[in-house]
Amino acid sequence: MNYPKKVVIGDITVRDGFQHEEQFIATDAKVWMLEELILAGVKHLEVSNFGNPRGMPQFKDADELFKKIRNSKKVKDQLDDVVLTAVTIRERAIMRAIEAKKEGYGPDRILLMVSTSESHQYKNSGLNLKDYWAMSEEWIKKAKDAGIKVNGTVSTIWGCPIEGPTDMKDAIKFTNRWFDIGADDVEHADHDGSASPDRVFDYYSQLLASVNNPHKQIAHFHTTRGWGLANVLAALQAGISNFEATMGGIGGQPANFVDGVPVSGTGEYYYNDPNIVGLVSTEDMVVMMDEMGIDTGLDVDKIIEIGKMTERILGRTLRSESIKSGRIPKFLKG
């Protein structure tokens, strides 16, 4: 098997993981998790979403959260080596990020998103693709002028929960377009677990043959149907070395019901059972790669301990097999 011997694993629990929770997660719990992940060696973290909190109240503490992690005595001396990201789908959110950056606590990086499916694009952004590309080109320049890096995400690569099958070649075109208008890196999102390992390998093989910056391509897999780690392996074999995951494999579509109150989120859930969706588990990905001899740069035991505490924060058992079974022993116990 051919695969990279060193990878980057970003953790996006506090944003993508918690956004699907139907209870508000205490701000101090989010701060604790960000701190502990940084201490475990994670260099790329999604902190929050600067979109309208009326529709997504899990993010009503976005400014407070950024301020608290910036001022944390536990990790303040390490933040120069860490990239903190905020999701900013539309203009007002980007403006909030720029203002926060000017005030000294804002994100190092923001995330914009296009879908290869026109229906999914409109549902998530309120704009069609033509208008979203125009908006992105204008606001990427403004963000970079403010000293903020920009991620361009491509979604519905392997299928759309609204329209059905999509053409993977469109995602490769969109990737190159992101770089053409100034994006610093691109996330490739299997947002609902519709990718199968053979098509993952096919897509990333085609992608890496068409770009000259493979280290700027990020793989983002959901594991709705249980294929998440198989897809990680397929992406590794294609040459991908940059991944995202969440503790306990949580996450998904923004909740439309938070603390007993119906909210808009992004509308009706796409899933048959919203309790079994989520991303690949950070713990399982790290343990698997460690067993494969791949350098993640992370403290494996600490990652597992954070996973155990995540279950306590949420009050339920999550989807990490490594939490249940632990690491494989490295030495004979005698």
C-alpha atoms as a PDB file:
ATOM      1  CA  MET A   1       0.000   0.000   0.000  1.00  0.00           C
ATOM      2  CA  ASN A   2       1.259   3.447  -0.892  1.00  0.00           C
ATOM      3  CA  TYR A   3       0.226   6.363   1.308  1.00  0.00           C
ATOM      4  CA  PRO A   4       1.733   9.466   2.928  1.00  0.00           C
ATOM      5  CA  LYS A   5       3.891   8.815   5.989  1.00  0.00           C
ATOM      6  CA  LYS A   6       2.946  12.130   7.598  1.00  0.00           C
ATOM      7  CA  VAL A   7      -0.481  13.801   7.700  1.00  0.00           C
ATOM      8  CA  VAL A   8      -2.282  16.803   9.148  1.00  0.00           C
ATOM      9  CA  ILE A   9      -5.504  16.153  11.068  1.00  0.00           C
ATOM     10  CA  GLY A  10      -7.683  19.148  11.825  1.00  0.00           C
ATOM     11  CA  ASP A  11     -10.408  18.834  14.436  1.00  0.00           C
ATOM     12  CA  ILE A  12     -13.730  20.567  13.813  1.00  0.00           C
ATOM     13  CA  THR A  13     -15.727  19.279  16.787  1.00  0.00           C
ATOM     14  CA  VAL A  14     -16.546  22.657  18.291  1.00  0.00           C
ATOM     15  CA  ARG A  15     -18.078  23.903  15.048  1.00  0.00           C
ATOM     16  CA  ASP A  16     -19.258  21.027  12.844  1.00  0.00           C
ATOM     17  CA  GLY A  17     -19.585  18.537  15.677  1.00  0.00           C
ATOM     18  CA  PHE A  18     -21.617  20.659  18.050  1.00  0.00           C
ATOM     19  CA  GLN A  19     -23.751  22.330  15.378  1.00  0.00           C
ATOM     20  CA  HIS A  20     -25.888  19.196  15.090  1.00  0.00           C
ATOM     21  CA  GLU A  21     -26.554  18.991  18.831  1.00  0.00           C
ATOM     22  CA  GLU A  22     -30.080  19.869  19.959  1.00  0.00           C
ATOM     23  CA  GLN A  23     -28.812  21.306  23.248  1.00  0.00           C
ATOM     24  CA  PHE A  24     -26.619  24.377  23.630  1.00  0.00           C
ATOM     25  CA  ILE A  25     -23.103  23.339  24.621  1.00  0.00           C
ATOM     26  CA  ALA A  26     -21.714  25.573  27.362  1.00  0.00           C
ATOM     27  CA  THR A  27     -19.138  28.070  26.133  1.00  0.00           C
ATOM     28  CA  ASP A  28     -16.652  26.993  28.804  1.00  0.00           C
ATOM     29  CA  ALA A  29     -16.960  23.385  27.611  1.00  0.00           C
ATOM     30  CA  LYS A  30     -16.116  24.542  24.085  1.00  0.00           C
ATOM     31  CA  VAL A  31     -13.123  26.495  25.405  1.00  0.00           C
ATOM     32  CA  TRP A  32     -11.953  23.440  27.359  1.00  0.00           C
ATOM     33  CA  MET A  33     -12.132  21.288  24.246  1.00  0.00           C
ATOM     34  CA  LEU A  34     -10.223  23.769  22.090  1.00  0.00           C
ATOM     35  CA  GLU A  35      -7.544  24.091  24.764  1.00  0.00           C
ATOM     36  CA  GLU A  36      -7.145  20.344  25.211  1.00  0.00           C
ATOM     37  CA  LEU A  37      -7.012  19.706  21.462  1.00  0.00           C
ATOM     38  CA  ILE A  38      -4.289  22.330  21.093  1.00  0.00           C
ATOM     39  CA  LEU A  39      -2.350  20.721  23.963  1.00  0.00           C
ATOM     40  CA  ALA A  40      -2.731  17.368  22.171  1.00  0.00           C
ATOM     41  CA  GLY A  41      -0.992  18.851  19.136  1.00  0.00           C
ATOM     42  CA  VAL A  42      -3.904  19.815  16.879  1.00  0.00           C
ATOM     43  CA  LYS A  43      -2.906  22.784  14.702  1.00  0.00           C
ATOM     44  CA  HIS A  44      -6.118  23.318  12.726  1.00  0.00           C
ATOM     45  CA  LEU A  45      -9.396  23.942  14.578  1.00  0.00           C
ATOM     46  CA  GLU A  46     -12.820  25.208  13.580  1.00  0.00           C
ATOM     47  CA  VAL A  47     -14.073  27.408  16.399  1.00  0.00           C
ATOM     48  CA  SER A  48     -17.505  28.697  15.379  1.00  0.00           C
ATOM     49  CA  ASN A  49     -19.795  30.086  12.692  1.00  0.00           C
ATOM     50  CA  PHE A  50     -20.308  33.846  12.306  1.00  0.00           C
ATOM     51  CA  GLY A  51     -23.684  33.343  10.601  1.00  0.00           C
ATOM     52  CA  ASN A  52     -26.919  34.632  12.103  1.00  0.00           C
ATOM     53  CA  PRO A  53     -27.331  32.963  15.529  1.00  0.00           C
ATOM     54  CA  ARG A  54     -31.123  33.268  15.383  1.00  0.00           C
ATOM     55  CA  GLY A  55     -31.161  30.375  12.949  1.00  0.00           C
ATOM     56  CA  MET A  56     -28.211  28.550  14.521  1.00  0.00           C
ATOM     57  CA  PRO A  57     -28.174  29.373  18.257  1.00  0.00           C
ATOM     58  CA  GLN A  58     -25.311  26.942  18.899  1.00  0.00           C
ATOM     59  CA  PHE A  59     -23.125  29.778  17.594  1.00  0.00           C
ATOM     60  CA  LYS A  60     -24.557  32.628  19.640  1.00  0.00           C
ATOM     61  CA  ASP A  61     -21.297  32.667  21.622  1.00  0.00           C
ATOM     62  CA  ALA A  62     -18.989  32.987  18.590  1.00  0.00           C
ATOM     63  CA  ASP A  63     -17.365  36.264  19.626  1.00  0.00           C
ATOM     64  CA  GLU A  64     -17.076  35.250  23.274  1.00  0.00           C
ATOM     65  CA  LEU A  65     -15.538  31.919  22.307  1.00  0.00           C
ATOM     66  CA  PHE A  66     -12.873  33.485  20.110  1.00  0.00           C
ATOM     67  CA  LYS A  67     -12.032  35.996  22.842  1.00  0.00           C
ATOM     68  CA  LYS A  68     -11.723  33.283  25.485  1.00  0.00           C
ATOM     69  CA  ILE A  69      -9.448  31.030  23.460  1.00  0.00           C
ATOM     70  CA  ARG A  70      -7.288  33.980  22.406  1.00  0.00           C
ATOM     71  CA  ASN A  71      -6.874  34.925  26.089  1.00  0.00           C
ATOM     72  CA  SER A  72      -6.465  31.388  27.442  1.00  0.00           C
ATOM     73  CA  LYS A  73      -3.401  31.144  29.695  1.00  0.00           C
ATOM     74  CA  LYS A  74      -3.237  27.389  28.998  1.00  0.00           C
ATOM     75  CA  VAL A  75      -2.534  27.749  25.278  1.00  0.00           C
ATOM     76  CA  LYS A  76      -1.738  31.410  24.611  1.00  0.00           C
ATOM     77  CA  ASP A  77       1.934  30.638  23.989  1.00  0.00           C
ATOM     78  CA  GLN A  78       1.002  28.021  21.364  1.00  0.00           C
ATOM     79  CA  LEU A  79      -1.513  29.972  19.294  1.00  0.00           C
ATOM     80  CA  ASP A  80       1.084  31.294  16.858  1.00  0.00           C
ATOM     81  CA  ASP A  81       1.334  27.751  15.468  1.00  0.00           C
ATOM     82  CA  VAL A  82      -2.434  27.131  15.439  1.00  0.00           C
ATOM     83  CA  VAL A  83      -4.980  28.133  12.788  1.00  0.00           C
ATOM     84  CA  LEU A  84      -8.397  29.054  14.199  1.00  0.00           C
ATOM     85  CA  THR A  85     -11.212  29.027  11.634  1.00  0.00           C
ATOM     86  CA  ALA A  86     -14.710  30.493  11.504  1.00  0.00           C
ATOM     87  CA  VAL A  87     -17.383  29.522   8.999  1.00  0.00           C
ATOM     88  CA  THR A  88     -18.639  32.569   7.081  1.00  0.00           C
ATOM     89  CA  ILE A  89     -21.059  31.541   4.351  1.00  0.00           C
ATOM     90  CA  ARG A  90     -22.378  35.012   3.497  1.00  0.00           C
ATOM     91  CA  GLU A  91     -21.237  38.644   3.396  1.00  0.00           C
ATOM     92  CA  ARG A  92     -22.437  39.682   6.850  1.00  0.00           C
ATOM     93  CA  ALA A  93     -20.604  36.781   8.465  1.00  0.00           C
ATOM     94  CA  ILE A  94     -17.389  37.651   6.614  1.00  0.00           C
ATOM     95  CA  MET A  95     -17.801  41.246   7.757  1.00  0.00           C
ATOM     96  CA  ARG A  96     -18.128  40.045  11.378  1.00  0.00           C
ATOM     97  CA  ALA A  97     -14.932  38.037  10.997  1.00  0.00           C
ATOM     98  CA  ILE A  98     -13.050  41.018   9.575  1.00  0.00           C
ATOM     99  CA  GLU A  99     -14.229  43.277  12.406  1.00  0.00           C
ATOM    100  CA  ALA A 100     -13.254  40.672  15.002  1.00  0.00           C
ATOM    101  CA  LYS A 101      -9.822  40.370  13.390  1.00  0.00           C
ATOM    102  CA  LYS A 102      -9.378  44.141  13.550  1.00  0.00           C
ATOM    103  CA  GLU A 103     -10.262  44.038  17.254  1.00  0.00           C
ATOM    104  CA  GLY A 104      -7.592  41.438  17.889  1.00  0.00           C
ATOM    105  CA  TYR A 105      -9.547  38.258  18.582  1.00  0.00           C
ATOM    106  CA  GLY A 106     -10.901  37.172  15.217  1.00  0.00           C
ATOM    107  CA  PRO A 107     -10.186  34.072  13.148  1.00  0.00           C
ATOM    108  CA  ASP A 108      -6.976  33.290  11.306  1.00  0.00           C
ATOM    109  CA  ARG A 109      -9.014  31.702   8.533  1.00  0.00           C
ATOM    110  CA  ILE A 110     -12.592  31.738   7.272  1.00  0.00           C
ATOM    111  CA  LEU A 111     -14.563  29.166   5.310  1.00  0.00           C
ATOM    112  CA  LEU A 112     -16.812  29.768   2.304  1.00  0.00           C
ATOM    113  CA  MET A 113     -18.702  26.964   0.599  1.00  0.00           C
ATOM    114  CA  VAL A 114     -19.995  26.055  -2.838  1.00  0.00           C
ATOM    115  CA  SER A 115     -21.997  22.956  -3.769  1.00  0.00           C
ATOM    116  CA  THR A 116     -21.861  21.363  -7.184  1.00  0.00           C
ATOM    117  CA  SER A 117     -25.634  20.925  -6.767  1.00  0.00           C
ATOM    118  CA  GLU A 118     -27.553  24.123  -7.439  1.00  0.00           C
ATOM    119  CA  SER A 119     -30.363  23.104  -5.053  1.00  0.00           C
ATOM    120  CA  HIS A 120     -27.988  22.391  -2.184  1.00  0.00           C
ATOM    121  CA  GLN A 121     -26.149  25.640  -2.879  1.00  0.00           C
ATOM    122  CA  TYR A 122     -29.312  27.696  -2.593  1.00  0.00           C
ATOM    123  CA  LYS A 123     -30.504  25.900   0.536  1.00  0.00           C
ATOM    124  CA  ASN A 124     -27.212  26.532   2.325  1.00  0.00           C
ATOM    125  CA  SER A 125     -26.438  30.062   1.142  1.00  0.00           C
ATOM    126  CA  GLY A 126     -29.622  31.608  -0.251  1.00  0.00           C
ATOM    127  CA  LEU A 127     -27.757  32.325  -3.501  1.00  0.00           C
ATOM    128  CA  ASN A 128     -27.438  30.492  -6.791  1.00  0.00           C
ATOM    129  CA  LEU A 129     -23.965  29.428  -7.880  1.00  0.00           C
ATOM    130  CA  LYS A 130     -23.376  32.344 -10.238  1.00  0.00           C
ATOM    131  CA  ASP A 131     -24.153  34.906  -7.546  1.00  0.00           C
ATOM    132  CA  TYR A 132     -22.217  33.016  -4.866  1.00  0.00           C
ATOM    133  CA  TRP A 133     -19.071  32.909  -6.973  1.00  0.00           C
ATOM    134  CA  ALA A 134     -19.354  36.649  -7.587  1.00  0.00           C
ATOM    135  CA  MET A 135     -19.846  37.315  -3.877  1.00  0.00           C
ATOM    136  CA  SER A 136     -16.907  35.081  -2.969  1.00  0.00           C
ATOM    137  CA  GLU A 137     -14.518  36.774  -5.364  1.00  0.00           C
ATOM    138  CA  GLU A 138     -15.344  40.189  -3.899  1.00  0.00           C
ATOM    139  CA  TRP A 139     -15.136  39.156  -0.245  1.00  0.00           C
ATOM    140  CA  ILE A 140     -12.064  36.938  -0.478  1.00  0.00           C
ATOM    141  CA  LYS A 141     -10.112  40.063  -1.416  1.00  0.00           C
ATOM    142  CA  LYS A 142     -11.533  41.955   1.573  1.00  0.00           C
ATOM    143  CA  ALA A 143     -10.752  39.113   3.979  1.00  0.00           C
ATOM    144  CA  LYS A 144      -7.192  38.748   2.748  1.00  0.00           C
ATOM    145  CA  ASP A 145      -6.660  42.502   2.969  1.00  0.00           C
ATOM    146  CA  ALA A 146      -7.597  42.117   6.650  1.00  0.00           C
ATOM    147  CA  GLY A 147      -4.988  39.377   7.108  1.00  0.00           C
ATOM    148  CA  ILE A 148      -7.397  36.430   7.100  1.00  0.00           C
ATOM    149  CA  LYS A 149      -6.764  33.241   5.152  1.00  0.00           C
ATOM    150  CA  VAL A 150      -9.654  31.764   3.177  1.00  0.00           C
ATOM    151  CA  ASN A 151     -10.785  28.194   2.717  1.00  0.00           C
ATOM    152  CA  GLY A 152     -13.029  27.389  -0.222  1.00  0.00           C
ATOM    153  CA  THR A 153     -15.100  24.287   0.426  1.00  0.00           C
ATOM    154  CA  VAL A 154     -16.587  22.150  -2.345  1.00  0.00           C
ATOM    155  CA  SER A 155     -19.618  20.091  -1.362  1.00  0.00           C
ATOM    156  CA  THR A 156     -21.966  17.510  -2.936  1.00  0.00           C
ATOM    157  CA  ILE A 157     -18.975  16.003  -4.750  1.00  0.00           C
ATOM    158  CA  TRP A 158     -20.312  12.444  -4.636  1.00  0.00           C
ATOM    159  CA  GLY A 159     -24.039  13.185  -4.518  1.00  0.00           C
ATOM    160  CA  CYS A 160     -26.695  15.593  -3.306  1.00  0.00           C
ATOM    161  CA  PRO A 161     -29.351  14.739  -0.688  1.00  0.00           C
ATOM    162  CA  ILE A 162     -31.804  16.926  -2.621  1.00  0.00           C
ATOM    163  CA  GLU A 163     -31.039  16.253  -6.285  1.00  0.00           C
ATOM    164  CA  GLY A 164     -29.250  12.905  -6.178  1.00  0.00           C
ATOM    165  CA  PRO A 165     -26.171  12.011  -8.289  1.00  0.00           C
ATOM    166  CA  THR A 166     -23.644  14.712  -9.200  1.00  0.00           C
ATOM    167  CA  ASP A 167     -20.642  14.844 -11.551  1.00  0.00           C
ATOM    168  CA  MET A 168     -17.279  14.647  -9.754  1.00  0.00           C
ATOM    169  CA  LYS A 169     -15.609  16.562 -12.560  1.00  0.00           C
ATOM    170  CA  ASP A 170     -17.591  19.652 -11.544  1.00  0.00           C
ATOM    171  CA  ALA A 171     -15.902  19.553  -8.140  1.00  0.00           C
ATOM    172  CA  ILE A 172     -12.453  19.544  -9.745  1.00  0.00           C
ATOM    173  CA  LYS A 173     -13.438  22.581 -11.819  1.00  0.00           C
ATOM    174  CA  PHE A 174     -14.729  24.300  -8.681  1.00  0.00           C
ATOM    175  CA  THR A 175     -11.478  23.509  -6.848  1.00  0.00           C
ATOM    176  CA  ASN A 176      -9.398  25.230  -9.474  1.00  0.00           C
ATOM    177  CA  ARG A 177     -11.807  28.157  -9.504  1.00  0.00           C
ATOM    178  CA  TRP A 178     -11.364  28.629  -5.744  1.00  0.00           C
ATOM    179  CA  PHE A 179      -7.613  28.910  -6.190  1.00  0.00           C
ATOM    180  CA  ASP A 180      -8.054  31.234  -9.175  1.00  0.00           C
ATOM    181  CA  ILE A 181      -9.991  33.729  -7.025  1.00  0.00           C
ATOM    182  CA  GLY A 182      -7.591  33.605  -4.098  1.00  0.00           C
ATOM    183  CA  ALA A 183      -8.486  30.726  -1.745  1.00  0.00           C
ATOM    184  CA  ASP A 184      -5.577  29.447   0.345  1.00  0.00           C
ATOM    185  CA  ASP A 185      -6.800  25.856   0.558  1.00  0.00           C
ATOM    186  CA  VAL A 186      -9.815  23.762  -0.441  1.00  0.00           C
ATOM    187  CA  GLU A 187     -11.904  21.354   1.604  1.00  0.00           C
ATOM    188  CA  HIS A 188     -13.527  18.500  -0.304  1.00  0.00           C
ATOM    189  CA  ALA A 189     -16.650  17.518   1.589  1.00  0.00           C
ATOM    190  CA  ASP A 190     -18.610  14.314   1.595  1.00  0.00           C
ATOM    191  CA  HIS A 191     -21.187  16.156   3.675  1.00  0.00           C
ATOM    192  CA  ASP A 192     -23.757  13.363   4.062  1.00  0.00           C
ATOM    193  CA  GLY A 193     -21.856  10.080   3.788  1.00  0.00           C
ATOM    194  CA  SER A 194     -22.755   9.359   0.173  1.00  0.00           C
ATOM    195  CA  ALA A 195     -19.198   8.671  -1.057  1.00  0.00           C
ATOM    196  CA  SER A 196     -18.021   5.090  -1.514  1.00  0.00           C
ATOM    197  CA  PRO A 197     -14.306   4.207  -1.241  1.00  0.00           C
ATOM    198  CA  ASP A 198     -13.839   3.410  -4.938  1.00  0.00           C
ATOM    199  CA  ARG A 199     -15.242   6.795  -5.987  1.00  0.00           C
ATOM    200  CA  VAL A 200     -13.214   8.534  -3.278  1.00  0.00           C
ATOM    201  CA  PHE A 201     -10.013   7.044  -4.699  1.00  0.00           C
ATOM    202  CA  ASP A 202     -11.109   7.943  -8.227  1.00  0.00           C
ATOM    203  CA  TYR A 203     -11.944  11.528  -7.296  1.00  0.00           C
ATOM    204  CA  TYR A 204      -8.777  12.282  -5.356  1.00  0.00           C
ATOM    205  CA  SER A 205      -6.607  10.622  -8.001  1.00  0.00           C
ATOM    206  CA  GLN A 206      -8.161  12.882 -10.634  1.00  0.00           C
ATOM    207  CA  LEU A 207      -7.920  15.900  -8.339  1.00  0.00           C
ATOM    208  CA  LEU A 208      -4.240  15.483  -7.481  1.00  0.00           C
ATOM    209  CA  ALA A 209      -3.462  15.045 -11.171  1.00  0.00           C
ATOM    210  CA  SER A 210      -5.055  18.436 -11.882  1.00  0.00           C
ATOM    211  CA  VAL A 211      -3.574  20.612  -9.092  1.00  0.00           C
ATOM    212  CA  ASN A 212      -0.015  21.602  -8.250  1.00  0.00           C
ATOM    213  CA  ASN A 213      -0.616  22.008  -4.517  1.00  0.00           C
ATOM    214  CA  PRO A 214      -1.695  18.621  -3.083  1.00  0.00           C
ATOM    215  CA  HIS A 215      -0.891  19.745   0.480  1.00  0.00           C
ATOM    216  CA  LYS A 216      -3.670  22.351   0.209  1.00  0.00           C
ATOM    217  CA  GLN A 217      -6.423  19.764  -0.404  1.00  0.00           C
ATOM    218  CA  ILE A 218      -8.409  18.712   2.685  1.00  0.00           C
ATOM    219  CA  ALA A 219     -10.569  15.572   2.920  1.00  0.00           C
ATOM    220  CA  HIS A 220     -13.798  15.812   4.938  1.00  0.00           C
ATOM    221  CA  PHE A 221     -15.820  12.606   5.326  1.00  0.00           C
ATOM    222  CA  HIS A 222     -19.077  11.852   7.044  1.00  0.00           C
ATOM    223  CA  THR A 223     -19.743   8.294   8.067  1.00  0.00           C
ATOM    224  CA  THR A 224     -23.522   8.111   7.894  1.00  0.00           C
ATOM    225  CA  ARG A 225     -23.393   4.668   6.307  1.00  0.00           C
ATOM    226  CA  GLY A 226     -20.299   3.469   8.142  1.00  0.00           C
ATOM    227  CA  TRP A 227     -17.805   4.036   5.314  1.00  0.00           C
ATOM    228  CA  GLY A 228     -15.869   6.894   6.870  1.00  0.00           C
ATOM    229  CA  LEU A 229     -12.554   5.209   7.692  1.00  0.00           C
ATOM    230  CA  ALA A 230     -12.683   3.197   4.473  1.00  0.00           C
ATOM    231  CA  ASN A 231     -12.903   6.506   2.657  1.00  0.00           C
ATOM    232  CA  VAL A 232      -9.990   7.887   4.676  1.00  0.00           C
ATOM    233  CA  LEU A 233      -7.916   4.885   3.589  1.00  0.00           C
ATOM    234  CA  ALA A 234      -8.951   5.373  -0.052  1.00  0.00           C
ATOM    235  CA  ALA A 235      -7.970   9.056   0.127  1.00  0.00           C
ATOM    236  CA  LEU A 236      -4.622   8.142   1.711  1.00  0.00           C
ATOM    237  CA  GLN A 237      -3.918   5.702  -1.093  1.00  0.00           C
ATOM    238  CA  ALA A 238      -4.680   8.424  -3.627  1.00  0.00           C
ATOM    239  CA  GLY A 239      -2.104  10.650  -1.898  1.00  0.00           C
ATOM    240  CA  ILE A 240      -4.169  12.931   0.327  1.00  0.00           C
ATOM    241  CA  SER A 241      -2.372  14.018   3.509  1.00  0.00           C
ATOM    242  CA  ASN A 242      -4.770  16.554   5.053  1.00  0.00           C
ATOM    243  CA  PHE A 243      -7.924  15.459   6.887  1.00  0.00           C
ATOM    244  CA  GLU A 244     -10.701  16.738   9.171  1.00  0.00           C
ATOM    245  CA  ALA A 245     -12.661  14.899  11.831  1.00  0.00           C
ATOM    246  CA  THR A 246     -14.672  15.323  15.039  1.00  0.00           C
ATOM    247  CA  MET A 247     -14.440  13.799  18.492  1.00  0.00           C
ATOM    248  CA  GLY A 248     -16.776  10.846  18.795  1.00  0.00           C
ATOM    249  CA  GLY A 249     -17.743  11.207  15.141  1.00  0.00           C
ATOM    250  CA  ILE A 250     -20.435  13.786  15.946  1.00  0.00           C
ATOM    251  CA  GLY A 251     -21.734  16.516  13.671  1.00  0.00           C
ATOM    252  CA  GLY A 252     -23.814  17.144  10.614  1.00  0.00           C
ATOM    253  CA  GLN A 253     -26.505  19.518   9.475  1.00  0.00           C
ATOM    254  CA  PRO A 254     -27.171  22.464  11.843  1.00  0.00           C
ATOM    255  CA  ALA A 255     -29.823  21.541  14.398  1.00  0.00           C
ATOM    256  CA  ASN A 256     -33.339  22.820  13.768  1.00  0.00           C
ATOM    257  CA  PHE A 257     -34.303  22.342  17.434  1.00  0.00           C
ATOM    258  CA  VAL A 258     -32.106  23.708  20.246  1.00  0.00           C
ATOM    259  CA  ASP A 259     -32.851  23.694  23.982  1.00  0.00           C
ATOM    260  CA  GLY A 260     -36.485  22.817  23.376  1.00  0.00           C
ATOM    261  CA  VAL A 261     -37.060  25.578  20.829  1.00  0.00           C
ATOM    262  CA  PRO A 262     -37.635  25.005  17.087  1.00  0.00           C
ATOM    263  CA  VAL A 263     -35.178  27.050  14.979  1.00  0.00           C
ATOM    264  CA  SER A 264     -34.568  27.322  11.249  1.00  0.00           C
ATOM    265  CA  GLY A 265     -31.125  25.686  11.034  1.00  0.00           C
ATOM    266  CA  THR A 266     -30.875  24.735   7.373  1.00  0.00           C
ATOM    267  CA  GLY A 267     -34.372  23.296   7.289  1.00  0.00           C
ATOM    268  CA  GLU A 268     -35.579  19.725   7.567  1.00  0.00           C
ATOM    269  CA  TYR A 269     -32.905  17.130   8.280  1.00  0.00           C
ATOM    270  CA  TYR A 270     -31.695  15.200   5.257  1.00  0.00           C
ATOM    271  CA  TYR A 271     -31.219  12.008   7.230  1.00  0.00           C
ATOM    272  CA  ASN A 272     -33.536   9.108   8.040  1.00  0.00           C
ATOM    273  CA  ASP A 273     -32.181   9.125  11.592  1.00  0.00           C
ATOM    274  CA  PRO A 274     -30.375  12.317  12.646  1.00  0.00           C
ATOM    275  CA  ASN A 275     -28.926  10.501  15.670  1.00  0.00           C
ATOM    276  CA  ILE A 276     -26.584   8.325  13.595  1.00  0.00           C
ATOM    277  CA  VAL A 277     -24.968  10.927  11.364  1.00  0.00           C
ATOM    278  CA  GLY A 278     -21.637  12.588  11.842  1.00  0.00           C
ATOM    279  CA  LEU A 279     -18.066  12.773  10.657  1.00  0.00           C
ATOM    280  CA  VAL A 280     -15.235  10.319  10.944  1.00  0.00           C
ATOM    281  CA  SER A 281     -14.146  10.066  14.577  1.00  0.00           C
ATOM    282  CA  THR A 282     -10.929  11.927  15.357  1.00  0.00           C
ATOM    283  CA  GLU A 283      -9.984   9.255  17.887  1.00  0.00           C
ATOM    284  CA  ASP A 284     -10.461   6.381  15.447  1.00  0.00           C
ATOM    285  CA  MET A 285      -8.635   8.146  12.631  1.00  0.00           C
ATOM    286  CA  VAL A 286      -5.667   8.974  14.864  1.00  0.00           C
ATOM    287  CA  VAL A 287      -5.449   5.459  16.316  1.00  0.00           C
ATOM    288  CA  MET A 288      -5.737   3.836  12.868  1.00  0.00           C
ATOM    289  CA  MET A 289      -3.040   6.056  11.382  1.00  0.00           C
ATOM    290  CA  ASP A 290      -0.791   5.465  14.376  1.00  0.00           C
ATOM    291  CA  GLU A 291      -1.092   1.717  13.825  1.00  0.00           C
ATOM    292  CA  MET A 292      -0.244   2.251  10.143  1.00  0.00           C
ATOM    293  CA  GLY A 293       2.950   4.058  11.079  1.00  0.00           C
ATOM    294  CA  ILE A 294       1.668   7.418   9.830  1.00  0.00           C
ATOM    295  CA  ASP A 295       2.898  10.425  11.765  1.00  0.00           C
ATOM    296  CA  THR A 296      -0.057  12.598  12.856  1.00  0.00           C
ATOM    297  CA  GLY A 297       1.928  14.805  15.219  1.00  0.00           C
ATOM    298  CA  LEU A 298      -0.733  14.195  17.867  1.00  0.00           C
ATOM    299  CA  ASP A 299      -0.677  12.770  21.385  1.00  0.00           C
ATOM    300  CA  VAL A 300      -2.765   9.639  20.785  1.00  0.00           C
ATOM    301  CA  ASP A 301      -3.519   8.920  24.441  1.00  0.00           C
ATOM    302  CA  LYS A 302      -4.574  12.503  25.067  1.00  0.00           C
ATOM    303  CA  ILE A 303      -6.883  12.415  22.044  1.00  0.00           C
ATOM    304  CA  ILE A 304      -8.605   9.336  23.504  1.00  0.00           C
ATOM    305  CA  GLU A 305      -8.977  11.061  26.879  1.00  0.00           C
ATOM    306  CA  ILE A 306     -10.570  14.094  25.190  1.00  0.00           C
ATOM    307  CA  GLY A 307     -12.949  11.703  23.446  1.00  0.00           C
ATOM    308  CA  LYS A 308     -14.014  10.222  26.776  1.00  0.00           C
ATOM    309  CA  MET A 309     -14.680  13.695  28.166  1.00  0.00           C
ATOM    310  CA  THR A 310     -16.677  14.596  25.046  1.00  0.00           C
ATOM    311  CA  GLU A 311     -19.066  11.791  25.926  1.00  0.00           C
ATOM    312  CA  ARG A 312     -19.473  13.268  29.405  1.00  0.00           C
ATOM    313  CA  ILE A 313     -20.071  16.758  27.983  1.00  0.00           C
ATOM    314  CA  LEU A 314     -22.821  15.432  25.724  1.00  0.00           C
ATOM    315  CA  GLY A 315     -24.176  12.886  28.200  1.00  0.00           C
ATOM    316  CA  ARG A 316     -24.210   9.897  25.878  1.00  0.00           C
ATOM    317  CA  THR A 317     -22.047   7.238  24.266  1.00  0.00           C
ATOM    318  CA  LEU A 318     -20.646   8.394  20.935  1.00  0.00           C
ATOM    319  CA  ARG A 319     -19.477   6.538  17.827  1.00  0.00           C
ATOM    320  CA  SER A 320     -15.783   6.125  18.540  1.00  0.00           C
ATOM    321  CA  GLU A 321     -14.641   2.514  18.591  1.00  0.00           C
ATOM    322  CA  SER A 322     -11.314   3.592  20.122  1.00  0.00           C
ATOM    323  CA  ILE A 323     -13.118   4.966  23.172  1.00  0.00           C
ATOM    324  CA  LYS A 324     -14.701   1.564  23.707  1.00  0.00           C
ATOM    325  CA  SER A 325     -11.649  -0.583  22.982  1.00  0.00           C
ATOM    326  CA  GLY A 326      -8.638   1.683  23.512  1.00  0.00           C
ATOM    327  CA  ARG A 327      -5.359   1.549  21.653  1.00  0.00           C
ATOM    328  CA  ILE A 328      -3.659  -1.654  20.588  1.00  0.00           C
ATOM    329  CA  PRO A 329      -0.852  -2.354  23.113  1.00  0.00           C
ATOM    330  CA  LYS A 330       2.606  -1.504  21.830  1.00  0.00           C
ATOM    331  CA  PHE A 331       4.541  -3.787  24.198  1.00  0.00           C
ATOM    332  CA  LEU A 332       4.047  -7.154  25.880  1.00  0.00           C
ATOM    333  CA  LYS A 333       2.787  -6.727  29.415  1.00  0.00           C
ATOM    334  CA  GLY A 334       4.340  -9.959  30.732  1.00  0.00           C
END
